[in-house]
Amino acid sequence: MPRLYVVDVPEFRPLVDVSRGRDGYRISAPRKGYWMIETDGPMTFERKALGMKPALWYGMFTGGLDGEVAEWGRDTVTVIGTNQPA
């Protein structure tokens, strides 16, 4: 199960907002300055749908993640679970 930790700042808030509208995505309220987004399957985001400039896009994992990046391009990123205990 992939988990993405999102720094609780306005610049990264689109990750949280977009995830709220997706089936199967669970969002935990900010704790110690980080949101947590998780899902049972692959987690995919599109840069343009998030409205992120490239600099923010390439910094989206600054909060950390449990899982691994399966694909990370200029406009799409996919995170998958690693089947490793957290």
PDB file of N, CA and C in Angstrom:
ATOM      1  N   MET A   1       0.841  -1.166   0.000  1.00  0.00           N
ATOM      2  CA  MET A   1       0.000   0.000   0.000  1.00  0.00           C
ATOM      3  C   MET A   1       0.895   1.241   0.000  1.00  0.00           C
ATOM      4  N   PRO A   2       0.855   2.038  -1.040  1.00  0.00           N
ATOM      5  CA  PRO A   2       1.667   3.256  -1.056  1.00  0.00           C
ATOM      6  C   PRO A   2       1.081   4.335  -0.151  1.00  0.00           C
ATOM      7  N   ARG A   3       1.973   5.074   0.478  1.00  0.00           N
ATOM      8  CA  ARG A   3       1.589   6.228   1.300  1.00  0.00           C
ATOM      9  C   ARG A   3       2.462   7.401   0.898  1.00  0.00           C
ATOM     10  N   LEU A   4       1.820   8.537   0.745  1.00  0.00           N
ATOM     11  CA  LEU A   4       2.526   9.773   0.408  1.00  0.00           C
ATOM     12  C   LEU A   4       2.318  10.752   1.549  1.00  0.00           C
ATOM     13  N   TYR A   5       3.407  11.315   2.058  1.00  0.00           N
ATOM     14  CA  TYR A   5       3.344  12.315   3.114  1.00  0.00           C
ATOM     15  C   TYR A   5       3.542  13.671   2.467  1.00  0.00           C
ATOM     16  N   VAL A   6       2.576  14.544   2.672  1.00  0.00           N
ATOM     17  CA  VAL A   6       2.551  15.840   1.991  1.00  0.00           C
ATOM     18  C   VAL A   6       2.742  16.949   3.015  1.00  0.00           C
ATOM     19  N   VAL A   7       3.751  17.778   2.801  1.00  0.00           N
ATOM     20  CA  VAL A   7       3.996  18.911   3.692  1.00  0.00           C
ATOM     21  C   VAL A   7       2.767  19.809   3.691  1.00  0.00           C
ATOM     22  N   ASP A   8       2.329  20.200   4.877  1.00  0.00           N
ATOM     23  CA  ASP A   8       1.117  21.007   5.025  1.00  0.00           C
ATOM     24  C   ASP A   8       1.405  22.485   4.745  1.00  0.00           C
ATOM     25  N   VAL A   9       1.588  22.777   3.458  1.00  0.00           N
ATOM     26  CA  VAL A   9       1.759  24.152   2.983  1.00  0.00           C
ATOM     27  C   VAL A   9       0.864  24.319   1.760  1.00  0.00           C
ATOM     28  N   PRO A  10       0.420  25.543   1.487  1.00  0.00           N
ATOM     29  CA  PRO A  10      -0.510  25.760   0.368  1.00  0.00           C
ATOM     30  C   PRO A  10      -0.009  25.249  -0.984  1.00  0.00           C
ATOM     31  N   GLU A  11       1.298  25.300  -1.217  1.00  0.00           N
ATOM     32  CA  GLU A  11       1.840  24.900  -2.516  1.00  0.00           C
ATOM     33  C   GLU A  11       1.585  23.420  -2.832  1.00  0.00           C
ATOM     34  N   PHE A  12       1.528  22.585  -1.803  1.00  0.00           N
ATOM     35  CA  PHE A  12       1.312  21.149  -2.019  1.00  0.00           C
ATOM     36  C   PHE A  12      -0.125  20.710  -1.736  1.00  0.00           C
ATOM     37  N   ARG A  13      -0.977  21.632  -1.367  1.00  0.00           N
ATOM     38  CA  ARG A  13      -2.368  21.307  -1.040  1.00  0.00           C
ATOM     39  C   ARG A  13      -3.132  20.661  -2.202  1.00  0.00           C
ATOM     40  N   PRO A  14      -2.828  20.969  -3.476  1.00  0.00           N
ATOM     41  CA  PRO A  14      -3.543  20.300  -4.566  1.00  0.00           C
ATOM     42  C   PRO A  14      -3.442  18.772  -4.512  1.00  0.00           C
ATOM     43  N   LEU A  15      -2.346  18.223  -4.001  1.00  0.00           N
ATOM     44  CA  LEU A  15      -2.227  16.768  -3.868  1.00  0.00           C
ATOM     45  C   LEU A  15      -3.312  16.225  -2.945  1.00  0.00           C
ATOM     46  N   VAL A  16      -3.567  16.928  -1.859  1.00  0.00           N
ATOM     47  CA  VAL A  16      -4.589  16.522  -0.895  1.00  0.00           C
ATOM     48  C   VAL A  16      -5.975  16.697  -1.499  1.00  0.00           C
ATOM     49  N   ASP A  17      -6.219  17.849  -2.101  1.00  0.00           N
ATOM     50  CA  ASP A  17      -7.542  18.147  -2.655  1.00  0.00           C
ATOM     51  C   ASP A  17      -7.929  17.184  -3.770  1.00  0.00           C
ATOM     52  N   VAL A  18      -7.019  16.885  -4.668  1.00  0.00           N
ATOM     53  CA  VAL A  18      -7.307  15.959  -5.766  1.00  0.00           C
ATOM     54  C   VAL A  18      -7.536  14.549  -5.222  1.00  0.00           C
ATOM     55  N   SER A  19      -6.767  14.160  -4.232  1.00  0.00           N
ATOM     56  CA  SER A  19      -6.908  12.817  -3.652  1.00  0.00           C
ATOM     57  C   SER A  19      -8.257  12.627  -2.974  1.00  0.00           C
ATOM     58  N   ARG A  20      -8.778  13.682  -2.381  1.00  0.00           N
ATOM     59  CA  ARG A  20     -10.087  13.596  -1.710  1.00  0.00           C
ATOM     60  C   ARG A  20     -11.189  13.174  -2.669  1.00  0.00           C
ATOM     61  N   GLY A  21     -11.076  13.541  -3.912  1.00  0.00           N
ATOM     62  CA  GLY A  21     -12.110  13.229  -4.886  1.00  0.00           C
ATOM     63  C   GLY A  21     -11.955  11.869  -5.548  1.00  0.00           C
ATOM     64  N   ARG A  22     -10.992  11.082  -5.130  1.00  0.00           N
ATOM     65  CA  ARG A  22     -10.725   9.797  -5.779  1.00  0.00           C
ATOM     66  C   ARG A  22     -11.202   8.622  -4.925  1.00  0.00           C
ATOM     67  N   ASP A  23     -11.846   7.671  -5.593  1.00  0.00           N
ATOM     68  CA  ASP A  23     -12.277   6.466  -4.901  1.00  0.00           C
ATOM     69  C   ASP A  23     -11.072   5.676  -4.408  1.00  0.00           C
ATOM     70  N   GLY A  24     -11.151   5.201  -3.186  1.00  0.00           N
ATOM     71  CA  GLY A  24     -10.101   4.359  -2.646  1.00  0.00           C
ATOM     72  C   GLY A  24      -8.928   5.094  -2.031  1.00  0.00           C
ATOM     73  N   TYR A  25      -8.879   6.409  -2.167  1.00  0.00           N
ATOM     74  CA  TYR A  25      -7.805   7.185  -1.549  1.00  0.00           C
ATOM     75  C   TYR A  25      -8.264   7.620  -0.161  1.00  0.00           C
ATOM     76  N   ARG A  26      -7.382   7.479   0.812  1.00  0.00           N
ATOM     77  CA  ARG A  26      -7.671   7.895   2.177  1.00  0.00           C
ATOM     78  C   ARG A  26      -6.688   8.990   2.573  1.00  0.00           C
ATOM     79  N   ILE A  27      -7.230  10.042   3.178  1.00  0.00           N
ATOM     80  CA  ILE A  27      -6.417  11.179   3.570  1.00  0.00           C
ATOM     81  C   ILE A  27      -6.534  11.357   5.075  1.00  0.00           C
ATOM     82  N   SER A  28      -5.402  11.414   5.755  1.00  0.00           N
ATOM     83  CA  SER A  28      -5.379  11.679   7.189  1.00  0.00           C
ATOM     84  C   SER A  28      -5.101  13.158   7.406  1.00  0.00           C
ATOM     85  N   ALA A  29      -5.796  13.732   8.385  1.00  0.00           N
ATOM     86  CA  ALA A  29      -5.614  15.147   8.718  1.00  0.00           C
ATOM     87  C   ALA A  29      -4.152  15.418   9.064  1.00  0.00           C
ATOM     88  N   PRO A  30      -3.724  16.660   8.901  1.00  0.00           N
ATOM     89  CA  PRO A  30      -2.325  16.968   9.172  1.00  0.00           C
ATOM     90  C   PRO A  30      -1.905  16.557  10.587  1.00  0.00           C
ATOM     91  N   ARG A  31      -0.756  15.928  10.653  1.00  0.00           N
ATOM     92  CA  ARG A  31      -0.162  15.525  11.929  1.00  0.00           C
ATOM     93  C   ARG A  31       1.315  15.886  11.865  1.00  0.00           C
ATOM     94  N   LYS A  32       1.740  16.691  12.805  1.00  0.00           N
ATOM     95  CA  LYS A  32       3.129  17.157  12.852  1.00  0.00           C
ATOM     96  C   LYS A  32       3.557  17.806  11.537  1.00  0.00           C
ATOM     97  N   GLY A  33       2.602  18.505  10.896  1.00  0.00           N
ATOM     98  CA  GLY A  33       2.922  19.260   9.693  1.00  0.00           C
ATOM     99  C   GLY A  33       2.840  18.507   8.376  1.00  0.00           C
ATOM    100  N   TYR A  34       2.256  17.269   8.401  1.00  0.00           N
ATOM    101  CA  TYR A  34       2.176  16.460   7.186  1.00  0.00           C
ATOM    102  C   TYR A  34       0.800  15.820   7.046  1.00  0.00           C
ATOM    103  N   TRP A  35       0.272  15.876   5.831  1.00  0.00           N
ATOM    104  CA  TRP A  35      -0.905  15.089   5.465  1.00  0.00           C
ATOM    105  C   TRP A  35      -0.404  13.703   5.065  1.00  0.00           C
ATOM    106  N   MET A  36      -1.258  12.681   5.186  1.00  0.00           N
ATOM    107  CA  MET A  36      -0.900  11.363   4.673  1.00  0.00           C
ATOM    108  C   MET A  36      -1.986  10.924   3.695  1.00  0.00           C
ATOM    109  N   ILE A  37      -1.558  10.550   2.502  1.00  0.00           N
ATOM    110  CA  ILE A  37      -2.458  10.031   1.471  1.00  0.00           C
ATOM    111  C   ILE A  37      -2.071   8.583   1.252  1.00  0.00           C
ATOM    112  N   GLU A  38      -3.056   7.689   1.254  1.00  0.00           N
ATOM    113  CA  GLU A  38      -2.772   6.279   1.014  1.00  0.00           C
ATOM    114  C   GLU A  38      -3.890   5.656   0.191  1.00  0.00           C
ATOM    115  N   THR A  39      -3.554   4.564  -0.454  1.00  0.00           N
ATOM    116  CA  THR A  39      -4.519   3.806  -1.238  1.00  0.00           C
ATOM    117  C   THR A  39      -4.008   2.375  -1.355  1.00  0.00           C
ATOM    118  N   ASP A  40      -4.884   1.468  -1.728  1.00  0.00           N
ATOM    119  CA  ASP A  40      -4.489   0.066  -1.824  1.00  0.00           C
ATOM    120  C   ASP A  40      -3.766  -0.267  -3.126  1.00  0.00           C
ATOM    121  N   GLY A  41      -4.015   0.481  -4.168  1.00  0.00           N
ATOM    122  CA  GLY A  41      -3.385   0.217  -5.465  1.00  0.00           C
ATOM    123  C   GLY A  41      -2.385   1.305  -5.811  1.00  0.00           C
ATOM    124  N   PRO A  42      -1.984   1.372  -7.058  1.00  0.00           N
ATOM    125  CA  PRO A  42      -1.064   2.424  -7.491  1.00  0.00           C
ATOM    126  C   PRO A  42      -1.675   3.808  -7.284  1.00  0.00           C
ATOM    127  N   MET A  43      -0.822   4.767  -7.005  1.00  0.00           N
ATOM    128  CA  MET A  43      -1.226   6.152  -6.785  1.00  0.00           C
ATOM    129  C   MET A  43      -0.636   6.975  -7.929  1.00  0.00           C
ATOM    130  N   THR A  44      -1.489   7.600  -8.722  1.00  0.00           N
ATOM    131  CA  THR A  44      -1.026   8.354  -9.884  1.00  0.00           C
ATOM    132  C   THR A  44      -1.505   9.798  -9.814  1.00  0.00           C
ATOM    133  N   PHE A  45      -0.613  10.718 -10.153  1.00  0.00           N
ATOM    134  CA  PHE A  45      -0.955  12.138 -10.206  1.00  0.00           C
ATOM    135  C   PHE A  45      -0.459  12.714 -11.521  1.00  0.00           C
ATOM    136  N   GLU A  46      -1.202  13.709 -12.032  1.00  0.00           N
ATOM    137  CA  GLU A  46      -0.826  14.423 -13.251  1.00  0.00           C
ATOM    138  C   GLU A  46      -0.533  15.872 -12.890  1.00  0.00           C
ATOM    139  N   ARG A  47       0.618  16.332 -13.288  1.00  0.00           N
ATOM    140  CA  ARG A  47       1.078  17.675 -12.921  1.00  0.00           C
ATOM    141  C   ARG A  47       0.102  18.761 -13.335  1.00  0.00           C
ATOM    142  N   LYS A  48      -0.358  18.723 -14.555  1.00  0.00           N
ATOM    143  CA  LYS A  48      -1.234  19.786 -15.045  1.00  0.00           C
ATOM    144  C   LYS A  48      -2.577  19.795 -14.329  1.00  0.00           C
ATOM    145  N   ALA A  49      -3.095  18.612 -13.985  1.00  0.00           N
ATOM    146  CA  ALA A  49      -4.356  18.537 -13.239  1.00  0.00           C
ATOM    147  C   ALA A  49      -4.193  19.120 -11.836  1.00  0.00           C
ATOM    148  N   LEU A  50      -2.983  19.032 -11.291  1.00  0.00           N
ATOM    149  CA  LEU A  50      -2.706  19.596  -9.972  1.00  0.00           C
ATOM    150  C   LEU A  50      -2.420  21.093 -10.047  1.00  0.00           C
ATOM    151  N   GLY A  51      -2.125  21.581 -11.243  1.00  0.00           N
ATOM    152  CA  GLY A  51      -1.787  22.988 -11.415  1.00  0.00           C
ATOM    153  C   GLY A  51      -0.422  23.336 -10.855  1.00  0.00           C
ATOM    154  N   MET A  52       0.480  22.361 -10.845  1.00  0.00           N
ATOM    155  CA  MET A  52       1.813  22.572 -10.280  1.00  0.00           C
ATOM    156  C   MET A  52       2.819  22.984 -11.341  1.00  0.00           C
ATOM    157  N   LYS A  53       3.630  23.947 -10.996  1.00  0.00           N
ATOM    158  CA  LYS A  53       4.774  24.317 -11.834  1.00  0.00           C
ATOM    159  C   LYS A  53       5.839  23.229 -11.664  1.00  0.00           C
ATOM    160  N   PRO A  54       6.745  23.083 -12.633  1.00  0.00           N
ATOM    161  CA  PRO A  54       7.763  22.028 -12.538  1.00  0.00           C
ATOM    162  C   PRO A  54       8.562  22.019 -11.235  1.00  0.00           C
ATOM    163  N   ALA A  55       8.922  23.171 -10.695  1.00  0.00           N
ATOM    164  CA  ALA A  55       9.721  23.193  -9.468  1.00  0.00           C
ATOM    165  C   ALA A  55       8.982  22.522  -8.311  1.00  0.00           C
ATOM    166  N   LEU A  56       7.696  22.772  -8.174  1.00  0.00           N
ATOM    167  CA  LEU A  56       6.908  22.114  -7.126  1.00  0.00           C
ATOM    168  C   LEU A  56       6.723  20.640  -7.433  1.00  0.00           C
ATOM    169  N   TRP A  57       6.489  20.333  -8.689  1.00  0.00           N
ATOM    170  CA  TRP A  57       6.305  18.946  -9.122  1.00  0.00           C
ATOM    171  C   TRP A  57       7.496  18.084  -8.704  1.00  0.00           C
ATOM    172  N   TYR A  58       8.683  18.577  -8.950  1.00  0.00           N
ATOM    173  CA  TYR A  58       9.875  17.797  -8.630  1.00  0.00           C
ATOM    174  C   TYR A  58      10.198  17.801  -7.136  1.00  0.00           C
ATOM    175  N   GLY A  59       9.474  18.608  -6.366  1.00  0.00           N
ATOM    176  CA  GLY A  59       9.666  18.626  -4.923  1.00  0.00           C
ATOM    177  C   GLY A  59       8.527  17.980  -4.154  1.00  0.00           C
ATOM    178  N   MET A  60       7.618  17.314  -4.863  1.00  0.00           N
ATOM    179  CA  MET A  60       6.412  16.802  -4.202  1.00  0.00           C
ATOM    180  C   MET A  60       6.683  15.690  -3.197  1.00  0.00           C
ATOM    181  N   PHE A  61       7.832  15.046  -3.242  1.00  0.00           N
ATOM    182  CA  PHE A  61       8.136  13.962  -2.311  1.00  0.00           C
ATOM    183  C   PHE A  61       8.985  14.424  -1.128  1.00  0.00           C
ATOM    184  N   THR A  62       9.081  15.732  -0.913  1.00  0.00           N
ATOM    185  CA  THR A  62       9.888  16.231   0.193  1.00  0.00           C
ATOM    186  C   THR A  62       9.359  15.789   1.547  1.00  0.00           C
ATOM    187  N   GLY A  63       8.069  15.453   1.634  1.00  0.00           N
ATOM    188  CA  GLY A  63       7.487  14.962   2.883  1.00  0.00           C
ATOM    189  C   GLY A  63       7.768  13.493   3.117  1.00  0.00           C
ATOM    190  N   GLY A  64       8.150  12.786   2.076  1.00  0.00           N
ATOM    191  CA  GLY A  64       8.468  11.364   2.183  1.00  0.00           C
ATOM    192  C   GLY A  64       7.379  10.486   1.611  1.00  0.00           C
ATOM    193  N   LEU A  65       7.690   9.191   1.486  1.00  0.00           N
ATOM    194  CA  LEU A  65       6.709   8.235   0.997  1.00  0.00           C
ATOM    195  C   LEU A  65       7.072   6.840   1.476  1.00  0.00           C
ATOM    196  N   ASP A  66       6.044   6.013   1.603  1.00  0.00           N
ATOM    197  CA  ASP A  66       6.205   4.582   1.824  1.00  0.00           C
ATOM    198  C   ASP A  66       5.771   3.948   0.518  1.00  0.00           C
ATOM    199  N   GLY A  67       6.677   3.354  -0.186  1.00  0.00           N
ATOM    200  CA  GLY A  67       6.415   2.789  -1.499  1.00  0.00           C
ATOM    201  C   GLY A  67       7.591   3.100  -2.392  1.00  0.00           C
ATOM    202  N   GLU A  68       7.368   2.949  -3.675  1.00  0.00           N
ATOM    203  CA  GLU A  68       8.432   3.293  -4.612  1.00  0.00           C
ATOM    204  C   GLU A  68       7.831   3.957  -5.835  1.00  0.00           C
ATOM    205  N   VAL A  69       8.630   4.781  -6.452  1.00  0.00           N
ATOM    206  CA  VAL A  69       8.188   5.494  -7.645  1.00  0.00           C
ATOM    207  C   VAL A  69       8.357   4.557  -8.830  1.00  0.00           C
ATOM    208  N   ALA A  70       7.235   4.204  -9.449  1.00  0.00           N
ATOM    209  CA  ALA A  70       7.262   3.315 -10.609  1.00  0.00           C
ATOM    210  C   ALA A  70       7.483   4.104 -11.895  1.00  0.00           C
ATOM    211  N   GLU A  71       6.974   5.341 -11.910  1.00  0.00           N
ATOM    212  CA  GLU A  71       7.106   6.213 -13.087  1.00  0.00           C
ATOM    213  C   GLU A  71       7.121   7.649 -12.581  1.00  0.00           C
ATOM    214  N   TRP A  72       8.044   8.443 -13.099  1.00  0.00           N
ATOM    215  CA  TRP A  72       8.068   9.859 -12.744  1.00  0.00           C
ATOM    216  C   TRP A  72       8.599  10.630 -13.923  1.00  0.00           C
ATOM    217  N   GLY A  73       7.671  11.248 -14.622  1.00  0.00           N
ATOM    218  CA  GLY A  73       8.029  12.036 -15.782  1.00  0.00           C
ATOM    219  C   GLY A  73       7.687  13.497 -15.556  1.00  0.00           C
ATOM    220  N   ARG A  74       7.785  14.252 -16.598  1.00  0.00           N
ATOM    221  CA  ARG A  74       7.498  15.682 -16.507  1.00  0.00           C
ATOM    222  C   ARG A  74       6.045  15.957 -16.126  1.00  0.00           C
ATOM    223  N   ASP A  75       5.117  15.068 -16.515  1.00  0.00           N
ATOM    224  CA  ASP A  75       3.705  15.346 -16.284  1.00  0.00           C
ATOM    225  C   ASP A  75       2.943  14.273 -15.516  1.00  0.00           C
ATOM    226  N   THR A  76       3.527  13.116 -15.273  1.00  0.00           N
ATOM    227  CA  THR A  76       2.825  12.034 -14.579  1.00  0.00           C
ATOM    228  C   THR A  76       3.763  11.336 -13.605  1.00  0.00           C
ATOM    229  N   VAL A  77       3.236  10.994 -12.440  1.00  0.00           N
ATOM    230  CA  VAL A  77       3.987  10.215 -11.462  1.00  0.00           C
ATOM    231  C   VAL A  77       3.088   9.091 -10.943  1.00  0.00           C
ATOM    232  N   THR A  78       3.662   7.899 -10.769  1.00  0.00           N
ATOM    233  CA  THR A  78       2.938   6.757 -10.212  1.00  0.00           C
ATOM    234  C   THR A  78       3.777   6.168  -9.089  1.00  0.00           C
ATOM    235  N   VAL A  79       3.142   6.007  -7.934  1.00  0.00           N
ATOM    236  CA  VAL A  79       3.776   5.395  -6.771  1.00  0.00           C
ATOM    237  C   VAL A  79       3.085   4.074  -6.497  1.00  0.00           C
ATOM    238  N   ILE A  80       3.863   3.040  -6.237  1.00  0.00           N
ATOM    239  CA  ILE A  80       3.300   1.723  -5.951  1.00  0.00           C
ATOM    240  C   ILE A  80       3.804   1.251  -4.579  1.00  0.00           C
ATOM    241  N   GLY A  81       3.091   0.277  -4.010  1.00  0.00           N
ATOM    242  CA  GLY A  81       3.520  -0.307  -2.761  1.00  0.00           C
ATOM    243  C   GLY A  81       4.721  -1.209  -3.003  1.00  0.00           C
ATOM    244  N   THR A  82       5.483  -1.428  -1.944  1.00  0.00           N
ATOM    245  CA  THR A  82       6.676  -2.260  -2.075  1.00  0.00           C
ATOM    246  C   THR A  82       6.507  -3.622  -1.441  1.00  0.00           C
ATOM    247  N   ASN A  83       5.372  -3.844  -0.784  1.00  0.00           N
ATOM    248  CA  ASN A  83       5.119  -5.089  -0.056  1.00  0.00           C
ATOM    249  C   ASN A  83       6.123  -5.309   1.061  1.00  0.00           C
ATOM    250  N   GLN A  84       6.719  -4.225   1.511  1.00  0.00           N
ATOM    251  CA  GLN A  84       7.650  -4.275   2.637  1.00  0.00           C
ATOM    252  C   GLN A  84       6.950  -3.668   3.852  1.00  0.00           C
ATOM    253  N   PRO A  85       7.190  -4.201   5.046  1.00  0.00           N
ATOM    254  CA  PRO A  85       6.580  -3.606   6.229  1.00  0.00           C
ATOM    255  C   PRO A  85       7.084  -2.179   6.444  1.00  0.00           C
ATOM    256  N   ALA A  86       6.182  -1.328   6.879  1.00  0.00           N
ATOM    257  CA  ALA A  86       6.535   0.086   7.103  1.00  0.00           C
ATOM    258  C   ALA A  86       7.363   0.259   8.352  1.00  0.00           C
TER     259      ALA A  86
END
